[in-house]
Amino acid sequence: MKSDIDPHEREDLWVFGYGSLMWRPGFDFVERVPARLIGLHRALCVYSFVHRGTPERPGLVLGLDRGGMCRGIAFRVAAKLRAQTIDYLRAREQVTTVYLETVRRIEREEEEARRQVPALCFIVDRSHVQYAGRLTLAECLRHVRQGQGSSGNNRDYVLETVHALEALGYRETDLHLIAARLKGSHEAGARR
């Protein structure tokens, strides 16, 4: 007989944030530390049909895609809030089931030994209709500029993520280039 009890329910939960979770987690946590995930990288590779766009005018949001490395934030959630936090994250991240919910080992970067912990991660499902793959800079900018959804405009999402990365001392060439173009076009429009 299969048990419905989560064997980890008495353990604290680690959650890896690499996009909006870095600057707007939306759940209670007891610890927040810089972390990195090996084998996956952050990419604007997900068409947003809800949070930052619509099916008719999709925005573009981040996903963890194959290869490389991703720096972000690891949040430790108290065991008593584990189930509640997982439910919240599923409702937030899995509106259209574009992500695969998985547990991966991440490295805490604030320690010399870089201790590894298992963390809940949401990885892009490459077989999903919303998987955009690798887009050109012009394509990314077009989608981000047009994107407006239930969580706000796509431009703010990108700029807030870049700001969160900079606060950690990180720089990602592609994302920073997109942010610079978004800031430049916004400032030019404001001067008109």
N, C-alpha and C. Protein backbone atom coordinates (compact mmCIF):
# COMPACT_ATOMS: atom_id res chain seq x y z
N MET A 1 0.84 -1.18 0.00
CA MET A 1 0.00 0.00 0.00
C MET A 1 0.88 1.25 0.00
N LYS A 2 0.60 2.17 -0.88
CA LYS A 2 1.38 3.40 -1.01
C LYS A 2 0.92 4.43 0.03
N SER A 3 1.90 5.09 0.65
CA SER A 3 1.59 6.11 1.64
C SER A 3 1.48 7.48 0.98
N ASP A 4 0.54 8.29 1.45
CA ASP A 4 0.38 9.66 0.95
C ASP A 4 1.26 10.64 1.73
N ILE A 5 2.01 10.13 2.68
CA ILE A 5 2.85 11.00 3.51
C ILE A 5 4.15 11.31 2.77
N ASP A 6 4.49 12.58 2.72
CA ASP A 6 5.75 13.02 2.12
C ASP A 6 6.88 12.62 3.06
N PRO A 7 7.84 11.80 2.59
CA PRO A 7 8.92 11.36 3.48
C PRO A 7 9.81 12.52 3.95
N HIS A 8 9.73 13.67 3.29
CA HIS A 8 10.55 14.82 3.65
C HIS A 8 9.77 15.89 4.42
N GLU A 9 8.52 15.59 4.80
CA GLU A 9 7.66 16.61 5.38
C GLU A 9 8.20 17.21 6.67
N ARG A 10 9.08 16.51 7.35
CA ARG A 10 9.64 17.02 8.60
C ARG A 10 10.97 17.75 8.39
N GLU A 11 11.37 17.90 7.14
CA GLU A 11 12.63 18.58 6.82
C GLU A 11 12.34 19.97 6.28
N ASP A 12 13.29 20.89 6.51
CA ASP A 12 13.18 22.20 5.89
C ASP A 12 13.25 22.03 4.37
N LEU A 13 12.64 22.95 3.67
CA LEU A 13 12.61 22.93 2.21
C LEU A 13 13.53 24.02 1.68
N TRP A 14 14.35 23.68 0.70
CA TRP A 14 15.15 24.68 -0.02
C TRP A 14 14.48 24.93 -1.36
N VAL A 15 14.39 26.20 -1.75
CA VAL A 15 13.80 26.60 -3.03
C VAL A 15 14.85 27.43 -3.77
N PHE A 16 15.09 27.11 -5.05
CA PHE A 16 16.05 27.87 -5.84
C PHE A 16 15.32 28.89 -6.69
N GLY A 17 15.63 30.17 -6.49
CA GLY A 17 15.04 31.25 -7.26
C GLY A 17 16.04 31.82 -8.25
N TYR A 18 15.63 31.98 -9.49
CA TYR A 18 16.53 32.47 -10.53
C TYR A 18 15.91 33.61 -11.35
N GLY A 19 14.64 33.89 -11.12
CA GLY A 19 13.94 34.97 -11.83
C GLY A 19 13.20 35.81 -10.80
N SER A 20 11.89 35.91 -10.96
CA SER A 20 11.11 36.76 -10.06
C SER A 20 11.12 36.26 -8.61
N LEU A 21 11.38 34.99 -8.40
CA LEU A 21 11.47 34.50 -7.02
C LEU A 21 12.61 35.18 -6.26
N MET A 22 13.64 35.63 -6.97
CA MET A 22 14.75 36.31 -6.31
C MET A 22 14.30 37.61 -5.67
N TRP A 23 13.45 38.36 -6.34
CA TRP A 23 13.05 39.67 -5.84
C TRP A 23 11.62 39.73 -5.32
N ARG A 24 10.85 38.68 -5.53
CA ARG A 24 9.48 38.62 -5.01
C ARG A 24 9.12 37.16 -4.72
N PRO A 25 9.72 36.61 -3.64
CA PRO A 25 9.46 35.19 -3.38
C PRO A 25 7.99 34.89 -3.06
N GLY A 26 7.36 35.71 -2.23
CA GLY A 26 5.95 35.51 -1.94
C GLY A 26 5.67 34.44 -0.90
N PHE A 27 6.69 33.93 -0.24
CA PHE A 27 6.51 32.92 0.82
C PHE A 27 7.48 33.26 1.96
N ASP A 28 7.16 32.76 3.14
CA ASP A 28 8.02 32.99 4.30
C ASP A 28 9.22 32.05 4.26
N PHE A 29 10.37 32.57 4.65
CA PHE A 29 11.59 31.75 4.69
C PHE A 29 12.41 32.14 5.91
N VAL A 30 13.29 31.24 6.32
CA VAL A 30 14.14 31.49 7.49
C VAL A 30 15.57 31.84 7.11
N GLU A 31 15.91 31.58 5.85
CA GLU A 31 17.27 31.88 5.39
C GLU A 31 17.22 32.16 3.89
N ARG A 32 18.07 33.10 3.47
CA ARG A 32 18.18 33.48 2.05
C ARG A 32 19.66 33.62 1.76
N VAL A 33 20.18 32.79 0.84
CA VAL A 33 21.62 32.81 0.56
C VAL A 33 21.88 32.74 -0.95
N PRO A 34 22.98 33.36 -1.40
CA PRO A 34 23.36 33.20 -2.81
C PRO A 34 23.69 31.72 -3.07
N ALA A 35 23.30 31.26 -4.25
CA ALA A 35 23.52 29.85 -4.58
C ALA A 35 23.73 29.70 -6.07
N ARG A 36 24.25 28.55 -6.45
CA ARG A 36 24.38 28.27 -7.87
C ARG A 36 23.97 26.85 -8.17
N LEU A 37 23.48 26.69 -9.38
CA LEU A 37 23.01 25.40 -9.89
C LEU A 37 23.85 25.07 -11.11
N ILE A 38 24.48 23.93 -11.10
CA ILE A 38 25.33 23.49 -12.20
C ILE A 38 24.51 22.61 -13.15
N GLY A 39 24.72 22.81 -14.47
CA GLY A 39 24.06 21.97 -15.46
C GLY A 39 22.86 22.61 -16.13
N LEU A 40 22.42 23.74 -15.61
CA LEU A 40 21.30 24.47 -16.19
C LEU A 40 21.64 25.96 -16.17
N HIS A 41 21.10 26.70 -17.12
CA HIS A 41 21.35 28.14 -17.16
C HIS A 41 20.02 28.91 -17.28
N ARG A 42 20.05 30.16 -16.86
CA ARG A 42 18.89 31.05 -16.92
C ARG A 42 18.78 31.58 -18.35
N ALA A 43 17.57 31.53 -18.91
CA ALA A 43 17.37 32.03 -20.27
C ALA A 43 15.96 32.57 -20.43
N LEU A 44 15.82 33.63 -21.21
CA LEU A 44 14.49 34.12 -21.60
C LEU A 44 14.00 33.18 -22.69
N CYS A 45 13.43 32.05 -22.26
CA CYS A 45 13.09 30.99 -23.22
C CYS A 45 11.65 30.50 -23.08
N VAL A 46 10.83 31.24 -22.32
CA VAL A 46 9.45 30.81 -22.09
C VAL A 46 8.50 31.93 -22.52
N TYR A 47 7.62 31.61 -23.48
CA TYR A 47 6.57 32.57 -23.85
C TYR A 47 5.59 32.65 -22.68
N SER A 48 5.30 33.86 -22.24
CA SER A 48 4.38 34.05 -21.13
C SER A 48 2.99 34.35 -21.67
N PHE A 49 2.04 33.49 -21.33
CA PHE A 49 0.65 33.65 -21.76
C PHE A 49 -0.24 34.19 -20.64
N VAL A 50 0.29 34.27 -19.41
CA VAL A 50 -0.53 34.67 -18.27
C VAL A 50 0.12 35.82 -17.49
N HIS A 51 1.24 35.55 -16.82
CA HIS A 51 1.84 36.52 -15.91
C HIS A 51 2.39 37.77 -16.59
N ARG A 52 3.03 37.61 -17.75
CA ARG A 52 3.68 38.76 -18.41
C ARG A 52 3.29 38.88 -19.88
N GLY A 53 2.18 38.27 -20.26
CA GLY A 53 1.71 38.34 -21.63
C GLY A 53 0.38 37.62 -21.77
N THR A 54 -0.05 37.46 -23.00
CA THR A 54 -1.28 36.73 -23.31
C THR A 54 -0.97 35.81 -24.50
N PRO A 55 -1.84 34.85 -24.80
CA PRO A 55 -1.60 34.01 -25.97
C PRO A 55 -1.52 34.83 -27.27
N GLU A 56 -2.29 35.92 -27.34
CA GLU A 56 -2.28 36.76 -28.54
C GLU A 56 -1.04 37.65 -28.62
N ARG A 57 -0.54 38.09 -27.46
CA ARG A 57 0.65 38.96 -27.38
C ARG A 57 1.55 38.43 -26.27
N PRO A 58 2.24 37.32 -26.54
CA PRO A 58 3.05 36.71 -25.49
C PRO A 58 4.23 37.56 -25.06
N GLY A 59 4.47 37.54 -23.77
CA GLY A 59 5.68 38.11 -23.22
C GLY A 59 6.75 37.03 -23.21
N LEU A 60 7.83 37.28 -22.51
CA LEU A 60 8.93 36.33 -22.45
C LEU A 60 9.49 36.32 -21.03
N VAL A 61 9.51 35.14 -20.42
CA VAL A 61 10.03 35.02 -19.06
C VAL A 61 11.15 33.99 -19.00
N LEU A 62 11.77 33.94 -17.85
CA LEU A 62 12.94 33.08 -17.67
C LEU A 62 12.57 31.64 -17.39
N GLY A 63 13.44 30.78 -17.84
CA GLY A 63 13.36 29.36 -17.52
C GLY A 63 14.76 28.85 -17.29
N LEU A 64 14.88 27.74 -16.60
CA LEU A 64 16.16 27.05 -16.49
C LEU A 64 16.22 26.08 -17.65
N ASP A 65 17.24 26.25 -18.50
CA ASP A 65 17.39 25.42 -19.69
C ASP A 65 18.71 24.66 -19.60
N ARG A 66 18.86 23.67 -20.44
CA ARG A 66 20.01 22.77 -20.41
C ARG A 66 21.35 23.46 -20.59
N GLY A 67 22.33 22.99 -19.82
CA GLY A 67 23.72 23.41 -19.99
C GLY A 67 24.11 24.60 -19.14
N GLY A 68 25.39 24.69 -18.85
CA GLY A 68 25.94 25.85 -18.16
C GLY A 68 25.72 25.84 -16.67
N MET A 69 25.54 27.05 -16.13
CA MET A 69 25.42 27.25 -14.70
C MET A 69 24.53 28.46 -14.45
N CYS A 70 23.81 28.44 -13.35
CA CYS A 70 22.93 29.55 -13.01
C CYS A 70 23.17 29.96 -11.57
N ARG A 71 23.40 31.26 -11.39
CA ARG A 71 23.49 31.82 -10.03
C ARG A 71 22.15 32.43 -9.68
N GLY A 72 21.75 32.24 -8.43
CA GLY A 72 20.49 32.78 -7.97
C GLY A 72 20.45 32.83 -6.46
N ILE A 73 19.27 32.64 -5.90
CA ILE A 73 19.05 32.70 -4.47
C ILE A 73 18.44 31.38 -4.01
N ALA A 74 18.97 30.85 -2.91
CA ALA A 74 18.37 29.68 -2.26
C ALA A 74 17.64 30.16 -1.02
N PHE A 75 16.40 29.77 -0.91
CA PHE A 75 15.58 30.12 0.25
C PHE A 75 15.34 28.85 1.07
N ARG A 76 15.58 28.94 2.38
CA ARG A 76 15.28 27.81 3.26
C ARG A 76 13.97 28.11 3.96
N VAL A 77 13.03 27.20 3.79
CA VAL A 77 11.68 27.32 4.35
C VAL A 77 11.56 26.33 5.50
N ALA A 78 11.02 26.78 6.63
CA ALA A 78 10.84 25.91 7.79
C ALA A 78 9.95 24.73 7.43
N ALA A 79 10.27 23.57 8.00
CA ALA A 79 9.54 22.34 7.71
C ALA A 79 8.03 22.50 7.89
N LYS A 80 7.63 23.26 8.91
CA LYS A 80 6.19 23.43 9.17
C LYS A 80 5.46 24.16 8.04
N LEU A 81 6.22 24.88 7.20
CA LEU A 81 5.62 25.61 6.07
C LEU A 81 5.91 24.94 4.73
N ARG A 82 6.50 23.77 4.76
CA ARG A 82 6.91 23.07 3.54
C ARG A 82 5.74 22.85 2.58
N ALA A 83 4.69 22.17 3.03
CA ALA A 83 3.56 21.84 2.16
C ALA A 83 2.87 23.10 1.65
N GLN A 84 2.67 24.07 2.52
CA GLN A 84 2.03 25.33 2.15
C GLN A 84 2.85 26.06 1.08
N THR A 85 4.17 26.06 1.22
CA THR A 85 5.05 26.74 0.26
C THR A 85 5.04 26.02 -1.08
N ILE A 86 5.08 24.72 -1.07
CA ILE A 86 5.03 23.96 -2.33
C ILE A 86 3.71 24.22 -3.05
N ASP A 87 2.61 24.23 -2.30
CA ASP A 87 1.31 24.53 -2.91
C ASP A 87 1.31 25.93 -3.53
N TYR A 88 1.85 26.90 -2.82
CA TYR A 88 1.92 28.27 -3.34
C TYR A 88 2.75 28.32 -4.63
N LEU A 89 3.92 27.68 -4.61
CA LEU A 89 4.79 27.70 -5.79
C LEU A 89 4.16 27.01 -6.98
N ARG A 90 3.47 25.92 -6.75
CA ARG A 90 2.77 25.23 -7.85
C ARG A 90 1.70 26.13 -8.45
N ALA A 91 0.94 26.82 -7.60
CA ALA A 91 -0.11 27.71 -8.10
C ALA A 91 0.50 28.87 -8.88
N ARG A 92 1.65 29.35 -8.45
CA ARG A 92 2.30 30.50 -9.10
C ARG A 92 3.04 30.10 -10.38
N GLU A 93 3.83 29.06 -10.30
CA GLU A 93 4.73 28.70 -11.40
C GLU A 93 4.10 27.76 -12.43
N GLN A 94 3.08 27.03 -12.05
CA GLN A 94 2.56 25.98 -12.93
C GLN A 94 1.17 26.31 -13.51
N VAL A 95 0.90 27.57 -13.69
CA VAL A 95 -0.41 27.99 -14.25
C VAL A 95 -0.66 27.29 -15.58
N THR A 96 0.37 27.18 -16.41
CA THR A 96 0.21 26.52 -17.72
C THR A 96 1.10 25.28 -17.83
N THR A 97 1.61 24.80 -16.75
CA THR A 97 2.49 23.61 -16.67
C THR A 97 3.68 23.66 -17.63
N VAL A 98 4.27 24.84 -17.82
CA VAL A 98 5.42 24.99 -18.72
C VAL A 98 6.73 24.56 -18.03
N TYR A 99 6.68 24.40 -16.72
CA TYR A 99 7.88 24.00 -15.98
C TYR A 99 7.75 22.58 -15.45
N LEU A 100 8.88 21.93 -15.33
CA LEU A 100 8.97 20.62 -14.69
C LEU A 100 9.44 20.86 -13.26
N GLU A 101 8.68 20.40 -12.31
CA GLU A 101 9.05 20.55 -10.91
C GLU A 101 10.03 19.43 -10.56
N THR A 102 11.19 19.81 -10.06
CA THR A 102 12.20 18.82 -9.76
C THR A 102 13.04 19.25 -8.56
N VAL A 103 13.79 18.34 -8.01
CA VAL A 103 14.73 18.65 -6.94
C VAL A 103 16.13 18.44 -7.50
N ARG A 104 16.96 19.48 -7.38
CA ARG A 104 18.35 19.43 -7.85
C ARG A 104 19.27 19.87 -6.72
N ARG A 105 20.49 19.40 -6.77
CA ARG A 105 21.49 19.83 -5.79
C ARG A 105 22.01 21.20 -6.20
N ILE A 106 21.99 22.13 -5.26
CA ILE A 106 22.53 23.46 -5.49
C ILE A 106 23.68 23.69 -4.52
N GLU A 107 24.55 24.63 -4.85
CA GLU A 107 25.67 24.97 -3.97
C GLU A 107 25.40 26.31 -3.31
N ARG A 108 25.51 26.34 -1.99
CA ARG A 108 25.41 27.60 -1.26
C ARG A 108 26.72 28.34 -1.47
N GLU A 109 26.66 29.56 -1.98
CA GLU A 109 27.88 30.29 -2.34
C GLU A 109 28.48 31.10 -1.21
N GLU A 110 27.77 31.26 -0.10
CA GLU A 110 28.31 32.10 0.96
C GLU A 110 29.32 31.36 1.83
N GLU A 111 29.47 30.08 1.62
CA GLU A 111 30.40 29.28 2.40
C GLU A 111 31.61 28.90 1.56
N GLU A 112 32.78 28.84 2.19
CA GLU A 112 33.98 28.43 1.45
C GLU A 112 33.84 27.02 0.89
N ALA A 113 33.25 26.14 1.67
CA ALA A 113 33.13 24.74 1.26
C ALA A 113 32.03 24.53 0.21
N ARG A 114 31.23 25.56 -0.02
CA ARG A 114 30.12 25.47 -0.99
C ARG A 114 29.25 24.23 -0.75
N ARG A 115 28.71 24.17 0.44
CA ARG A 115 27.88 23.03 0.82
C ARG A 115 26.71 22.87 -0.14
N GLN A 116 26.44 21.65 -0.51
CA GLN A 116 25.33 21.37 -1.42
C GLN A 116 24.09 20.97 -0.62
N VAL A 117 22.94 21.42 -1.12
CA VAL A 117 21.66 21.06 -0.53
C VAL A 117 20.68 20.75 -1.66
N PRO A 118 19.74 19.84 -1.43
CA PRO A 118 18.72 19.59 -2.45
C PRO A 118 17.69 20.72 -2.41
N ALA A 119 17.35 21.24 -3.59
CA ALA A 119 16.41 22.36 -3.66
C ALA A 119 15.34 22.12 -4.71
N LEU A 120 14.16 22.62 -4.42
CA LEU A 120 13.06 22.58 -5.38
C LEU A 120 13.36 23.58 -6.49
N CYS A 121 13.29 23.13 -7.72
CA CYS A 121 13.57 23.97 -8.90
C CYS A 121 12.46 23.77 -9.93
N PHE A 122 12.24 24.81 -10.70
CA PHE A 122 11.29 24.73 -11.81
C PHE A 122 12.07 24.92 -13.11
N ILE A 123 12.14 23.83 -13.89
CA ILE A 123 12.93 23.77 -15.12
C ILE A 123 11.98 23.79 -16.31
N VAL A 124 12.36 24.50 -17.37
CA VAL A 124 11.48 24.60 -18.52
C VAL A 124 11.27 23.22 -19.17
N ASP A 125 10.04 22.98 -19.57
CA ASP A 125 9.69 21.75 -20.31
C ASP A 125 9.87 22.06 -21.79
N ARG A 126 10.92 21.54 -22.39
CA ARG A 126 11.24 21.83 -23.79
C ARG A 126 10.17 21.31 -24.76
N SER A 127 9.31 20.42 -24.33
CA SER A 127 8.27 19.91 -25.22
C SER A 127 6.98 20.73 -25.14
N HIS A 128 6.93 21.71 -24.25
CA HIS A 128 5.73 22.53 -24.05
C HIS A 128 5.62 23.58 -25.15
N VAL A 129 4.41 23.91 -25.55
CA VAL A 129 4.15 24.89 -26.61
C VAL A 129 4.73 26.27 -26.26
N GLN A 130 4.90 26.57 -24.98
CA GLN A 130 5.43 27.87 -24.58
C GLN A 130 6.96 27.93 -24.56
N TYR A 131 7.61 26.82 -24.85
CA TYR A 131 9.07 26.85 -24.90
C TYR A 131 9.50 27.61 -26.15
N ALA A 132 10.21 28.71 -25.95
CA ALA A 132 10.62 29.58 -27.07
C ALA A 132 11.97 29.19 -27.66
N GLY A 133 12.75 28.44 -26.91
CA GLY A 133 14.09 28.11 -27.39
C GLY A 133 14.99 29.33 -27.35
N ARG A 134 16.01 29.33 -28.18
CA ARG A 134 16.96 30.45 -28.21
C ARG A 134 16.50 31.46 -29.26
N LEU A 135 16.12 32.64 -28.79
CA LEU A 135 15.64 33.69 -29.68
C LEU A 135 16.75 34.72 -29.91
N THR A 136 16.63 35.47 -30.99
CA THR A 136 17.58 36.55 -31.25
C THR A 136 17.29 37.69 -30.28
N LEU A 137 18.24 38.60 -30.16
CA LEU A 137 18.06 39.78 -29.31
C LEU A 137 16.82 40.57 -29.75
N ALA A 138 16.65 40.75 -31.06
CA ALA A 138 15.50 41.50 -31.58
C ALA A 138 14.18 40.80 -31.21
N GLU A 139 14.13 39.48 -31.31
CA GLU A 139 12.92 38.74 -30.96
C GLU A 139 12.62 38.87 -29.46
N CYS A 140 13.66 38.76 -28.64
CA CYS A 140 13.48 38.91 -27.19
C CYS A 140 12.91 40.28 -26.87
N LEU A 141 13.52 41.30 -27.44
CA LEU A 141 13.06 42.67 -27.18
C LEU A 141 11.62 42.89 -27.61
N ARG A 142 11.25 42.36 -28.76
CA ARG A 142 9.88 42.52 -29.26
C ARG A 142 8.88 41.92 -28.27
N HIS A 143 9.14 40.70 -27.81
CA HIS A 143 8.23 40.04 -26.89
C HIS A 143 8.18 40.75 -25.53
N VAL A 144 9.34 41.15 -25.03
CA VAL A 144 9.38 41.82 -23.73
C VAL A 144 8.66 43.17 -23.80
N ARG A 145 8.87 43.89 -24.88
CA ARG A 145 8.21 45.21 -25.02
C ARG A 145 6.70 45.09 -25.13
N GLN A 146 6.19 44.04 -25.76
CA GLN A 146 4.74 43.90 -25.93
C GLN A 146 4.08 43.21 -24.74
N GLY A 147 4.86 42.53 -23.92
CA GLY A 147 4.29 41.69 -22.86
C GLY A 147 3.64 42.46 -21.73
N GLN A 148 2.39 42.12 -21.47
CA GLN A 148 1.62 42.67 -20.35
C GLN A 148 0.66 41.58 -19.91
N GLY A 149 0.76 41.19 -18.63
CA GLY A 149 -0.09 40.11 -18.15
C GLY A 149 -0.61 40.37 -16.75
N SER A 150 -1.10 39.33 -16.11
CA SER A 150 -1.73 39.46 -14.79
C SER A 150 -0.76 39.92 -13.71
N SER A 151 0.54 39.72 -13.89
CA SER A 151 1.54 40.14 -12.90
C SER A 151 2.23 41.45 -13.29
N GLY A 152 1.79 42.06 -14.38
CA GLY A 152 2.37 43.34 -14.78
C GLY A 152 3.05 43.28 -16.13
N ASN A 153 3.82 44.35 -16.42
CA ASN A 153 4.46 44.37 -17.74
C ASN A 153 5.78 43.62 -17.73
N ASN A 154 6.12 43.11 -18.88
CA ASN A 154 7.28 42.26 -19.05
C ASN A 154 8.59 43.03 -18.84
N ARG A 155 8.59 44.30 -19.26
CA ARG A 155 9.78 45.13 -19.11
C ARG A 155 10.22 45.19 -17.65
N ASP A 156 9.27 45.43 -16.73
CA ASP A 156 9.60 45.52 -15.30
C ASP A 156 10.16 44.20 -14.78
N TYR A 157 9.62 43.08 -15.25
CA TYR A 157 10.10 41.76 -14.85
C TYR A 157 11.59 41.60 -15.18
N VAL A 158 11.96 41.96 -16.40
CA VAL A 158 13.37 41.84 -16.82
C VAL A 158 14.25 42.78 -16.02
N LEU A 159 13.83 44.03 -15.87
CA LEU A 159 14.64 45.01 -15.15
C LEU A 159 14.79 44.66 -13.67
N GLU A 160 13.73 44.18 -13.04
CA GLU A 160 13.82 43.76 -11.63
C GLU A 160 14.76 42.57 -11.46
N THR A 161 14.72 41.64 -12.41
CA THR A 161 15.61 40.48 -12.34
C THR A 161 17.06 40.91 -12.48
N VAL A 162 17.34 41.79 -13.42
CA VAL A 162 18.70 42.30 -13.60
C VAL A 162 19.17 43.04 -12.35
N HIS A 163 18.28 43.82 -11.76
CA HIS A 163 18.61 44.54 -10.53
C HIS A 163 18.96 43.55 -9.41
N ALA A 164 18.19 42.48 -9.29
CA ALA A 164 18.46 41.45 -8.26
C ALA A 164 19.80 40.77 -8.51
N LEU A 165 20.13 40.51 -9.77
CA LEU A 165 21.43 39.91 -10.10
C LEU A 165 22.57 40.86 -9.74
N GLU A 166 22.40 42.13 -10.06
CA GLU A 166 23.43 43.12 -9.75
C GLU A 166 23.64 43.25 -8.25
N ALA A 167 22.57 43.14 -7.47
CA ALA A 167 22.68 43.23 -6.01
C ALA A 167 23.52 42.08 -5.46
N LEU A 168 23.54 40.97 -6.18
CA LEU A 168 24.36 39.82 -5.78
C LEU A 168 25.77 39.89 -6.35
N GLY A 169 26.01 40.90 -7.20
CA GLY A 169 27.32 41.03 -7.84
C GLY A 169 27.46 40.20 -9.10
N TYR A 170 26.33 39.77 -9.69
CA TYR A 170 26.34 38.95 -10.88
C TYR A 170 26.03 39.80 -12.11
N ARG A 171 26.56 39.35 -13.23
CA ARG A 171 26.26 40.00 -14.51
C ARG A 171 26.10 38.90 -15.56
N GLU A 172 25.02 38.99 -16.31
CA GLU A 172 24.78 38.06 -17.40
C GLU A 172 24.66 38.87 -18.69
N THR A 173 25.58 38.66 -19.58
CA THR A 173 25.71 39.50 -20.77
C THR A 173 24.40 39.66 -21.53
N ASP A 174 23.76 38.56 -21.91
CA ASP A 174 22.53 38.65 -22.71
C ASP A 174 21.42 39.40 -21.99
N LEU A 175 21.18 39.05 -20.74
CA LEU A 175 20.11 39.68 -19.98
C LEU A 175 20.41 41.16 -19.73
N HIS A 176 21.66 41.47 -19.43
CA HIS A 176 22.03 42.87 -19.22
C HIS A 176 21.93 43.68 -20.52
N LEU A 177 22.25 43.07 -21.64
CA LEU A 177 22.13 43.75 -22.92
C LEU A 177 20.66 44.07 -23.22
N ILE A 178 19.78 43.13 -22.96
CA ILE A 178 18.35 43.35 -23.16
C ILE A 178 17.86 44.46 -22.23
N ALA A 179 18.29 44.41 -20.98
CA ALA A 179 17.88 45.44 -20.01
C ALA A 179 18.36 46.82 -20.45
N ALA A 180 19.58 46.91 -20.94
CA ALA A 180 20.12 48.20 -21.40
C ALA A 180 19.29 48.74 -22.56
N ARG A 181 18.90 47.87 -23.48
CA ARG A 181 18.07 48.30 -24.61
C ARG A 181 16.68 48.73 -24.15
N LEU A 182 16.14 48.02 -23.16
CA LEU A 182 14.82 48.38 -22.63
C LEU A 182 14.88 49.74 -21.94
N LYS A 183 15.92 49.97 -21.16
CA LYS A 183 16.09 51.27 -20.48
C LYS A 183 16.27 52.38 -21.50
N GLY A 184 17.09 52.12 -22.51
CA GLY A 184 17.38 53.12 -23.55
C GLY A 184 16.14 53.52 -24.32
N SER A 185 15.33 52.55 -24.72
CA SER A 185 14.12 52.86 -25.50
C SER A 185 13.08 53.55 -24.62
N HIS A 186 13.05 53.21 -23.34
CA HIS A 186 12.10 53.83 -22.42
C HIS A 186 12.47 55.30 -22.19
N GLU A 187 13.77 55.54 -21.99
CA GLU A 187 14.23 56.91 -21.77
C GLU A 187 14.03 57.76 -23.03
N ALA A 188 14.27 57.18 -24.19
CA ALA A 188 14.05 57.92 -25.44
C ALA A 188 12.59 58.27 -25.62
N GLY A 189 11.71 57.34 -25.27
CA GLY A 189 10.26 57.59 -25.38
C GLY A 189 9.80 58.64 -24.39
N ALA A 190 10.41 58.66 -23.21
CA ALA A 190 10.02 59.63 -22.17
C ALA A 190 10.42 61.05 -22.57
N ARG A 191 11.49 61.19 -23.36
CA ARG A 191 11.96 62.52 -23.77
C ARG A 191 11.10 63.13 -24.88
N ARG A 192 10.32 62.30 -25.55
CA ARG A 192 9.50 62.82 -26.68
C ARG A 192 8.36 63.67 -26.21
